[in-house]
């Protein structure tokens, strides 16, 4: 199982949302998404884990490495909605990573969001409208 991602930019802030499982099979895809973030955004990045089913130790290490890659470009990484079953345990080899209960509280920590957001996503990013429409017999 791998991950899907969606990246949304705001003026001076980015939100990288993940869905799926961040395990060994997903680390290269995650690193690619971080490259996308570095190329297309500015300011801190909130890693939204609302739709993440879980992560392996390797997935957690990849997040720490991403924090370092972003710090090398004078950008920070913050986590929102970490999976409850497996807490995030920093290994001390990367900059501090602020943790937020959920995405709304992470966004509230950056109140000066302005401008029209832009968005990119992987091909299989889950569409929240499709399950609702299917449940209602609309598709």
N, C-alpha and C. Protein backbone atom coordinates (compact mmCIF):
# COMPACT_ATOMS: atom_id res chain seq x y z
N UNK A 1 0.83 -1.18 0.00
CA UNK A 1 0.00 0.00 0.00
C UNK A 1 0.88 1.24 0.00
N UNK A 2 0.46 2.24 -0.72
CA UNK A 2 1.24 3.47 -0.83
C UNK A 2 0.40 4.65 -0.38
N UNK A 3 0.86 5.83 -0.68
CA UNK A 3 0.14 7.03 -0.31
C UNK A 3 -0.31 7.79 -1.56
N UNK A 4 -1.28 8.62 -1.36
CA UNK A 4 -1.67 9.64 -2.32
C UNK A 4 -1.45 10.97 -1.62
N UNK A 5 -1.23 12.03 -2.39
CA UNK A 5 -0.98 13.33 -1.78
C UNK A 5 -1.70 14.44 -2.53
N UNK A 6 -1.93 15.52 -1.80
CA UNK A 6 -2.49 16.76 -2.36
C UNK A 6 -1.73 17.91 -1.74
N UNK A 7 -1.28 18.84 -2.58
CA UNK A 7 -0.54 20.00 -2.08
C UNK A 7 -1.30 21.26 -2.42
N UNK A 8 -1.57 22.07 -1.40
CA UNK A 8 -2.28 23.33 -1.56
C UNK A 8 -1.38 24.45 -1.07
N UNK A 9 -1.21 25.47 -1.93
CA UNK A 9 -0.40 26.61 -1.51
C UNK A 9 -1.31 27.79 -1.18
N UNK A 10 -0.92 28.50 -0.17
CA UNK A 10 -1.49 29.79 0.21
C UNK A 10 -0.31 30.75 0.19
N UNK A 11 -0.56 32.02 0.30
CA UNK A 11 0.54 32.97 0.35
C UNK A 11 1.37 32.70 1.60
N UNK A 12 2.62 32.26 1.39
CA UNK A 12 3.53 32.03 2.50
C UNK A 12 3.28 30.79 3.33
N UNK A 13 2.48 29.84 2.83
CA UNK A 13 2.18 28.61 3.58
C UNK A 13 1.74 27.53 2.61
N UNK A 14 2.14 26.30 2.88
CA UNK A 14 1.69 25.17 2.08
C UNK A 14 1.10 24.09 2.97
N UNK A 15 0.15 23.33 2.42
CA UNK A 15 -0.45 22.21 3.13
C UNK A 15 -0.29 20.98 2.26
N UNK A 16 0.48 20.01 2.73
CA UNK A 16 0.65 18.74 2.04
C UNK A 16 -0.19 17.71 2.79
N UNK A 17 -1.24 17.23 2.13
CA UNK A 17 -2.14 16.24 2.74
C UNK A 17 -1.78 14.86 2.22
N UNK A 18 -1.75 13.88 3.11
CA UNK A 18 -1.45 12.50 2.74
C UNK A 18 -2.65 11.61 3.01
N UNK A 19 -2.84 10.61 2.15
CA UNK A 19 -3.86 9.58 2.36
C UNK A 19 -3.21 8.23 2.12
N UNK A 20 -3.61 7.22 2.88
CA UNK A 20 -3.04 5.88 2.73
C UNK A 20 -2.17 5.51 3.91
N UNK A 21 -1.11 4.77 3.62
CA UNK A 21 -0.19 4.29 4.66
C UNK A 21 1.23 4.69 4.28
N UNK A 22 1.91 5.41 5.16
CA UNK A 22 3.29 5.86 4.90
C UNK A 22 4.24 4.80 5.43
N UNK A 23 4.43 3.77 4.61
CA UNK A 23 5.34 2.68 4.95
C UNK A 23 6.47 2.61 3.94
N UNK A 24 7.24 1.53 3.96
CA UNK A 24 8.41 1.40 3.08
C UNK A 24 8.08 1.58 1.60
N UNK A 25 6.90 1.11 1.17
CA UNK A 25 6.53 1.23 -0.24
C UNK A 25 6.16 2.64 -0.64
N UNK A 26 5.95 3.53 0.32
CA UNK A 26 5.48 4.88 0.04
C UNK A 26 6.54 5.96 0.22
N UNK A 27 7.68 5.60 0.75
CA UNK A 27 8.68 6.62 1.10
C UNK A 27 9.18 7.37 -0.14
N UNK A 28 9.45 6.67 -1.24
CA UNK A 28 9.90 7.37 -2.44
C UNK A 28 8.84 8.34 -2.94
N UNK A 29 7.59 7.92 -2.91
CA UNK A 29 6.50 8.80 -3.35
C UNK A 29 6.39 10.01 -2.43
N UNK A 30 6.53 9.78 -1.12
CA UNK A 30 6.51 10.89 -0.17
C UNK A 30 7.66 11.86 -0.44
N UNK A 31 8.85 11.33 -0.65
CA UNK A 31 10.00 12.20 -0.96
C UNK A 31 9.78 13.00 -2.23
N UNK A 32 9.12 12.38 -3.21
CA UNK A 32 8.77 13.11 -4.44
C UNK A 32 7.79 14.24 -4.17
N UNK A 33 6.83 13.98 -3.29
CA UNK A 33 5.87 15.03 -2.93
C UNK A 33 6.58 16.18 -2.22
N UNK A 34 7.54 15.87 -1.38
CA UNK A 34 8.31 16.92 -0.71
C UNK A 34 9.09 17.73 -1.74
N UNK A 35 9.65 17.08 -2.75
CA UNK A 35 10.31 17.80 -3.84
C UNK A 35 9.35 18.75 -4.54
N UNK A 36 8.13 18.29 -4.76
CA UNK A 36 7.09 19.12 -5.38
C UNK A 36 6.83 20.35 -4.52
N UNK A 37 6.71 20.13 -3.20
CA UNK A 37 6.47 21.21 -2.24
C UNK A 37 7.61 22.22 -2.30
N UNK A 38 8.84 21.74 -2.32
CA UNK A 38 9.99 22.64 -2.35
C UNK A 38 10.01 23.48 -3.63
N UNK A 39 9.58 22.90 -4.72
CA UNK A 39 9.63 23.60 -6.01
C UNK A 39 8.48 24.60 -6.19
N UNK A 40 7.38 24.42 -5.48
CA UNK A 40 6.19 25.20 -5.80
C UNK A 40 5.63 26.06 -4.68
N UNK A 41 6.25 26.06 -3.53
CA UNK A 41 5.68 26.83 -2.43
C UNK A 41 6.72 27.65 -1.70
N UNK A 42 6.23 28.40 -0.73
CA UNK A 42 7.09 29.19 0.15
C UNK A 42 6.55 29.05 1.56
N UNK A 43 7.39 29.38 2.51
CA UNK A 43 6.97 29.38 3.91
C UNK A 43 6.85 27.99 4.50
N UNK A 44 6.29 27.92 5.69
CA UNK A 44 6.17 26.63 6.37
C UNK A 44 5.21 25.70 5.64
N UNK A 45 5.36 24.41 5.94
CA UNK A 45 4.50 23.38 5.35
C UNK A 45 3.81 22.63 6.47
N UNK A 46 2.49 22.56 6.37
CA UNK A 46 1.72 21.75 7.31
C UNK A 46 1.51 20.40 6.64
N UNK A 47 1.95 19.35 7.27
CA UNK A 47 1.73 17.99 6.78
C UNK A 47 0.43 17.50 7.41
N UNK A 48 -0.64 17.49 6.60
CA UNK A 48 -1.97 17.11 7.06
C UNK A 48 -2.12 15.60 6.96
N UNK A 49 -2.23 14.94 8.10
CA UNK A 49 -2.30 13.49 8.16
C UNK A 49 -3.72 12.98 8.47
N UNK A 50 -4.71 13.82 8.23
CA UNK A 50 -6.10 13.46 8.53
C UNK A 50 -6.51 12.16 7.85
N UNK A 51 -6.12 11.96 6.60
CA UNK A 51 -6.53 10.77 5.83
C UNK A 51 -5.46 9.67 5.84
N UNK A 52 -4.43 9.83 6.66
CA UNK A 52 -3.39 8.81 6.74
C UNK A 52 -3.86 7.69 7.66
N UNK A 53 -3.77 6.44 7.19
CA UNK A 53 -4.21 5.29 7.98
C UNK A 53 -3.17 4.87 9.01
N UNK A 54 -1.93 5.24 8.78
CA UNK A 54 -0.86 4.88 9.69
C UNK A 54 0.49 5.08 9.03
N UNK A 55 1.55 4.76 9.78
CA UNK A 55 2.91 4.93 9.28
C UNK A 55 3.84 3.94 9.95
N UNK A 56 4.89 3.61 9.27
CA UNK A 56 5.91 2.73 9.83
C UNK A 56 7.00 3.60 10.45
N UNK A 57 7.93 2.95 11.12
CA UNK A 57 9.08 3.69 11.65
C UNK A 57 9.82 4.38 10.50
N UNK A 58 9.97 3.68 9.38
CA UNK A 58 10.61 4.29 8.20
C UNK A 58 9.85 5.50 7.70
N UNK A 59 8.52 5.45 7.76
CA UNK A 59 7.71 6.60 7.37
C UNK A 59 7.94 7.78 8.29
N UNK A 60 8.06 7.51 9.59
CA UNK A 60 8.35 8.57 10.54
C UNK A 60 9.73 9.17 10.29
N UNK A 61 10.70 8.31 9.99
CA UNK A 61 12.05 8.81 9.68
C UNK A 61 12.03 9.67 8.42
N UNK A 62 11.21 9.29 7.44
CA UNK A 62 11.09 10.08 6.21
C UNK A 62 10.53 11.46 6.51
N UNK A 63 9.60 11.54 7.46
CA UNK A 63 9.06 12.84 7.86
C UNK A 63 10.15 13.69 8.49
N UNK A 64 10.97 13.09 9.35
CA UNK A 64 12.09 13.81 9.94
C UNK A 64 13.07 14.30 8.88
N UNK A 65 13.34 13.47 7.88
CA UNK A 65 14.23 13.88 6.79
C UNK A 65 13.61 15.01 5.98
N UNK A 66 12.30 14.96 5.79
CA UNK A 66 11.60 16.03 5.08
C UNK A 66 11.71 17.34 5.86
N UNK A 67 11.59 17.26 7.18
CA UNK A 67 11.75 18.46 8.02
C UNK A 67 13.13 19.06 7.81
N UNK A 68 14.15 18.21 7.69
CA UNK A 68 15.51 18.71 7.47
C UNK A 68 15.65 19.32 6.08
N UNK A 69 15.09 18.66 5.05
CA UNK A 69 15.13 19.22 3.69
C UNK A 69 14.48 20.59 3.64
N UNK A 70 13.34 20.73 4.30
CA UNK A 70 12.64 22.02 4.33
C UNK A 70 13.46 23.05 5.12
N UNK A 71 14.03 22.65 6.25
CA UNK A 71 14.84 23.56 7.05
C UNK A 71 16.05 24.05 6.26
N UNK A 72 16.62 23.19 5.43
CA UNK A 72 17.76 23.59 4.60
C UNK A 72 17.38 24.70 3.62
N UNK A 73 16.08 24.85 3.35
CA UNK A 73 15.56 25.90 2.47
C UNK A 73 14.86 27.00 3.27
N UNK A 74 15.16 27.07 4.58
CA UNK A 74 14.57 28.05 5.50
C UNK A 74 13.05 27.94 5.57
N UNK A 75 12.56 26.72 5.54
CA UNK A 75 11.12 26.46 5.66
C UNK A 75 10.92 25.46 6.78
N UNK A 76 9.81 25.57 7.48
CA UNK A 76 9.52 24.66 8.58
C UNK A 76 8.50 23.61 8.19
N UNK A 77 8.44 22.55 8.98
CA UNK A 77 7.44 21.50 8.80
C UNK A 77 6.65 21.38 10.10
N UNK A 78 5.32 21.28 9.98
CA UNK A 78 4.43 21.08 11.11
C UNK A 78 3.53 19.90 10.79
N UNK A 79 3.12 19.15 11.80
CA UNK A 79 2.23 18.00 11.60
C UNK A 79 0.85 18.30 12.16
N UNK A 80 -0.17 17.90 11.40
CA UNK A 80 -1.55 18.05 11.86
C UNK A 80 -2.24 16.70 11.79
N UNK A 81 -2.97 16.35 12.84
CA UNK A 81 -3.80 15.14 12.89
C UNK A 81 -2.97 13.86 12.75
N UNK A 82 -1.97 13.70 13.63
CA UNK A 82 -1.15 12.49 13.55
C UNK A 82 -1.99 11.26 13.90
N UNK A 83 -1.68 10.12 13.27
CA UNK A 83 -2.44 8.89 13.57
C UNK A 83 -2.34 8.55 15.06
N UNK A 84 -3.47 8.32 15.69
CA UNK A 84 -3.51 8.08 17.14
C UNK A 84 -2.89 6.74 17.54
N UNK A 85 -3.00 5.73 16.65
CA UNK A 85 -2.52 4.39 17.02
C UNK A 85 -1.01 4.33 17.20
N UNK A 86 -0.29 5.11 16.42
CA UNK A 86 1.17 5.09 16.48
C UNK A 86 1.66 6.52 16.62
N UNK A 87 2.02 6.96 17.81
CA UNK A 87 2.44 8.34 18.00
C UNK A 87 3.74 8.65 17.26
N UNK A 88 3.90 9.91 16.92
CA UNK A 88 5.13 10.36 16.27
C UNK A 88 6.21 10.48 17.32
N UNK A 89 7.31 9.78 17.10
CA UNK A 89 8.43 9.79 18.04
C UNK A 89 9.65 10.35 17.31
N UNK A 90 9.96 11.63 17.53
CA UNK A 90 11.12 12.21 16.86
C UNK A 90 12.41 11.54 17.32
N UNK A 91 13.33 11.40 16.37
CA UNK A 91 14.59 10.74 16.72
C UNK A 91 15.71 11.72 17.05
N UNK A 92 15.41 13.02 17.03
CA UNK A 92 16.40 14.02 17.41
C UNK A 92 17.37 14.40 16.31
N UNK A 93 17.23 13.83 15.12
CA UNK A 93 18.19 14.12 14.05
C UNK A 93 17.69 15.21 13.10
N UNK A 94 16.59 15.85 13.45
CA UNK A 94 16.02 16.86 12.57
C UNK A 94 15.50 18.02 13.41
N UNK A 95 15.15 19.13 12.77
CA UNK A 95 14.62 20.27 13.53
C UNK A 95 13.32 19.89 14.26
N UNK A 96 12.99 20.66 15.25
CA UNK A 96 11.74 20.43 15.98
C UNK A 96 10.55 20.54 15.02
N UNK A 97 9.56 19.69 15.24
CA UNK A 97 8.37 19.66 14.38
C UNK A 97 7.16 19.94 15.26
N UNK A 98 6.55 21.12 15.11
CA UNK A 98 5.34 21.40 15.89
C UNK A 98 4.21 20.44 15.53
N UNK A 99 3.43 20.03 16.54
CA UNK A 99 2.30 19.13 16.34
C UNK A 99 1.00 19.87 16.62
N UNK A 100 -0.01 19.63 15.77
CA UNK A 100 -1.33 20.24 15.93
C UNK A 100 -2.36 19.13 16.00
N UNK A 101 -3.41 19.34 16.76
CA UNK A 101 -4.47 18.36 16.92
C UNK A 101 -5.11 18.00 15.58
N UNK A 102 -5.37 19.01 14.75
CA UNK A 102 -6.03 18.78 13.47
C UNK A 102 -5.65 19.90 12.51
N UNK A 103 -6.11 19.81 11.27
CA UNK A 103 -5.76 20.82 10.27
C UNK A 103 -6.33 22.19 10.61
N UNK A 104 -7.58 22.31 11.04
CA UNK A 104 -8.08 23.66 11.39
C UNK A 104 -7.22 24.36 12.45
N UNK A 105 -6.77 23.63 13.47
CA UNK A 105 -5.95 24.28 14.50
C UNK A 105 -4.56 24.62 13.95
N UNK A 106 -4.05 23.82 13.03
CA UNK A 106 -2.76 24.15 12.41
C UNK A 106 -2.89 25.41 11.57
N UNK A 107 -3.97 25.51 10.81
CA UNK A 107 -4.19 26.71 9.99
C UNK A 107 -4.42 27.93 10.86
N UNK A 108 -5.08 27.75 12.00
CA UNK A 108 -5.33 28.87 12.91
C UNK A 108 -4.03 29.44 13.47
N UNK A 109 -2.98 28.64 13.51
CA UNK A 109 -1.68 29.12 13.97
C UNK A 109 -1.01 30.03 12.95
N UNK A 110 -1.60 30.10 11.75
CA UNK A 110 -1.08 30.95 10.66
C UNK A 110 -2.24 31.80 10.14
N UNK A 111 -2.69 32.78 10.92
CA UNK A 111 -3.92 33.49 10.58
C UNK A 111 -3.85 34.41 9.37
N UNK A 112 -2.70 34.69 8.86
CA UNK A 112 -2.59 35.66 7.76
C UNK A 112 -2.67 34.99 6.39
N UNK A 113 -3.49 33.95 6.24
CA UNK A 113 -3.65 33.32 4.94
C UNK A 113 -4.35 34.28 4.00
N UNK A 114 -3.77 34.48 2.84
CA UNK A 114 -4.36 35.41 1.87
C UNK A 114 -4.11 34.86 0.48
N UNK A 115 -4.77 35.46 -0.47
CA UNK A 115 -4.56 35.07 -1.86
C UNK A 115 -5.36 33.84 -2.23
N UNK A 116 -5.38 33.57 -3.51
CA UNK A 116 -6.11 32.41 -4.04
C UNK A 116 -5.23 31.17 -3.92
N UNK A 117 -5.67 30.14 -3.21
CA UNK A 117 -4.85 28.93 -3.11
C UNK A 117 -4.75 28.21 -4.46
N UNK A 118 -3.62 27.54 -4.67
CA UNK A 118 -3.43 26.67 -5.82
C UNK A 118 -3.30 25.26 -5.29
N UNK A 119 -3.65 24.28 -6.13
CA UNK A 119 -3.64 22.91 -5.64
C UNK A 119 -3.18 21.95 -6.72
N UNK A 120 -2.37 20.97 -6.28
CA UNK A 120 -1.92 19.86 -7.12
C UNK A 120 -2.18 18.59 -6.33
N UNK A 121 -2.34 17.46 -7.02
CA UNK A 121 -2.56 16.21 -6.31
C UNK A 121 -2.12 15.03 -7.17
N UNK A 122 -1.88 13.91 -6.50
CA UNK A 122 -1.55 12.68 -7.21
C UNK A 122 -2.82 12.17 -7.89
N UNK A 123 -2.64 11.30 -8.86
CA UNK A 123 -3.77 10.85 -9.69
C UNK A 123 -4.89 10.18 -8.92
N UNK A 124 -4.58 9.46 -7.87
CA UNK A 124 -5.59 8.69 -7.15
C UNK A 124 -6.01 9.33 -5.83
N UNK A 125 -5.79 10.66 -5.69
CA UNK A 125 -6.20 11.32 -4.45
C UNK A 125 -7.68 11.06 -4.24
N UNK A 126 -8.09 10.63 -3.03
CA UNK A 126 -9.50 10.32 -2.80
C UNK A 126 -10.37 11.56 -2.94
N UNK A 127 -11.42 11.44 -3.73
CA UNK A 127 -12.36 12.53 -3.96
C UNK A 127 -13.46 12.41 -2.91
N UNK A 128 -13.58 13.39 -2.01
CA UNK A 128 -14.58 13.27 -0.94
C UNK A 128 -16.02 13.31 -1.46
N UNK A 129 -16.25 13.80 -2.68
CA UNK A 129 -17.60 13.87 -3.22
C UNK A 129 -18.05 12.49 -3.73
N UNK A 130 -17.14 11.72 -4.30
CA UNK A 130 -17.50 10.43 -4.91
C UNK A 130 -18.12 9.46 -3.90
N UNK A 131 -17.54 9.24 -2.70
CA UNK A 131 -18.19 8.30 -1.77
C UNK A 131 -19.60 8.75 -1.37
N UNK A 132 -19.79 10.06 -1.18
CA UNK A 132 -21.12 10.55 -0.81
C UNK A 132 -22.10 10.32 -1.96
N UNK A 133 -21.65 10.63 -3.19
CA UNK A 133 -22.52 10.45 -4.34
C UNK A 133 -22.86 8.97 -4.54
N UNK A 134 -21.87 8.10 -4.35
CA UNK A 134 -22.11 6.66 -4.50
C UNK A 134 -23.10 6.17 -3.45
N UNK A 135 -22.97 6.67 -2.23
CA UNK A 135 -23.89 6.25 -1.15
C UNK A 135 -25.31 6.71 -1.43
N UNK A 136 -25.43 7.81 -2.17
CA UNK A 136 -26.75 8.32 -2.49
C UNK A 136 -27.26 7.79 -3.83
N UNK A 137 -26.48 6.90 -4.46
CA UNK A 137 -26.88 6.31 -5.75
C UNK A 137 -26.78 7.28 -6.91
N UNK A 138 -25.89 8.29 -6.79
CA UNK A 138 -25.78 9.29 -7.84
C UNK A 138 -24.71 8.99 -8.87
N UNK A 139 -23.90 7.97 -8.64
CA UNK A 139 -22.85 7.61 -9.62
C UNK A 139 -22.95 6.15 -10.00
